[in-house]
Amino acid sequence: MHEFFCYFIDVHDIFFQMTTCDTKGKMKIILATSGSRGDVQPMIAICLALKSSGHDAMLLGPPEKASWAVGLGCPYQGFGADVSAFIDGFQNADNFRAGLAFISFVRKQLALQFRWLPDIIRKADLVLGSSLMFGLASVAETRNIPYRYIAFTPQLFPSRFHPFPILKTQTLPFFINTMSWKTAELLDQFNITFLINQYRKKQGLEPVSYAWDHILGKNTIVAADQEIARMPGDVKQTWIQTGYPHLDPAPEPVPALDRFLEKGTKPVYAGFGSMPVKDQISIVPILIKAARHLGRRIILPRRHGLSTENTAGEDLFFIRDYPHLQLFPKLDAVIHHGGAGTTATAGVSGVPQVIVPHILDQYYHGRRIFLSHMGPEPIPRALLTESRLTAALEQCLFDPVIRQAAGNTGQSINPQKSLGRMVEAILS
């Protein structure tokens, strides 16, 4: 492990020694994230946009995403643990054991950040954090480097209009939502806040009263579309909402997919992002039966360990790693977990969506889609059945209010402008 990080830092030094600030306004910017593909993908989009704007931008992220990012032309260095392997180690993400393991995982990641980030970012003009990069704000402060946090959902901000993300219910009274945030702040005094203050004390910095306020920082960038999730009016932090930064790579040709799409009526898609693979495989029969009950063809992600022997049929198509932004506009509906990226992509594509939330902000996004009339009420993973899914999918396919609202949303969001606003917000 030590040798890996020493090599990492050497590569980082070479990267910055090769760059200069000869161009007026050119900045050395490090972006950093720790999470699943949904956390990494929008940061790649931002990094590439900054690079296109003439800045020296580099992204730190989970090591298993390095080849993918580099293949897209994004300067990238692996940092921390393999997040995908951690997630796939569970049968499902919605249980007490997974919650405890997640807390332990975050604490270990924080220790790595405190150990290695000071050297990695020391020559940067600006650092941008997202997801689980909880130590970056304090490390940047020790180096006197400007810091910004990028949030992909308004639910990360304390508000009476939504609960702390660990709570699933999105229809609680205002005072209960407020109490959930106060309780989380109190309990965190013994967790992330405690660990951050230990580091700050060693560095001669004043302690922070609540880690989350410190992590969000000043002028937080909210990378979410207002048409889907508008920031509530009682948020105390300063922020700017830019819209979601979509990554839009050219897909590799898949002639078989093209033929499938051209066969008849538009198919539906069902996929649950980076949720545990074992659980995703167990859901496949329900997805297929719901689609077939309504006479619809369906596209599913091909997962390692998924046997397609008993699911063969001309109404099924299995695909691996195809860009959602290219696929979703060709569909009649999308069934997904409610991750920020998938929700935003279905939204900009103008397609109705059935959300099956598993954890955290996925419940929030499910509620926002329902309130925006872009989909039916979300179905929590624990309550997913063939009959419930069939009824929800039927609403998506035939309810004119849902179809009109989804179409209007797709027309109102301009992803190029959102990415432009993102770059402006970062450099302001």
Foldseek 3Di string as FASTA:
>chain_A
DVVLLVVLLVVLVVLVVVDDCPDPPAFEEEEEEEAAPLTVQLVLLLQVLSVVVPYNYAYEYAQVCVVVSVVVVHHYDYFDHRRLVLQQVDLFCFDPVNVVVVLVRLQVSLVRCLVRVLSNCLPGQEYEYEYSSLQVLLSCVLSVHHYAYEAAALLLFQALQAANQQDQDRPDHSVVRNVRVVVVQVVCVPGPQVVNQVSCVVSVHDRDSGSSCSRNDAAYEHAADCLQHNHDPPGPHHYDYQYHAHDDDDWDDDVVVVCLLPPDAFAEEEDAGSHHPNNRLVCVVLVLLLQVVVPGAYEYEDDPPRDCPVVDDSSYHYHHDGDLLVVLLSHQEYEYAQRSVVLRSLQLSLHAYAHAHEGTCSSVSQVSCCVLLQFNRHHHPVRDGSVVVSVRVCCRRPVPSNSVSSNVRNVVDDNVSSSVSVSVSSSD
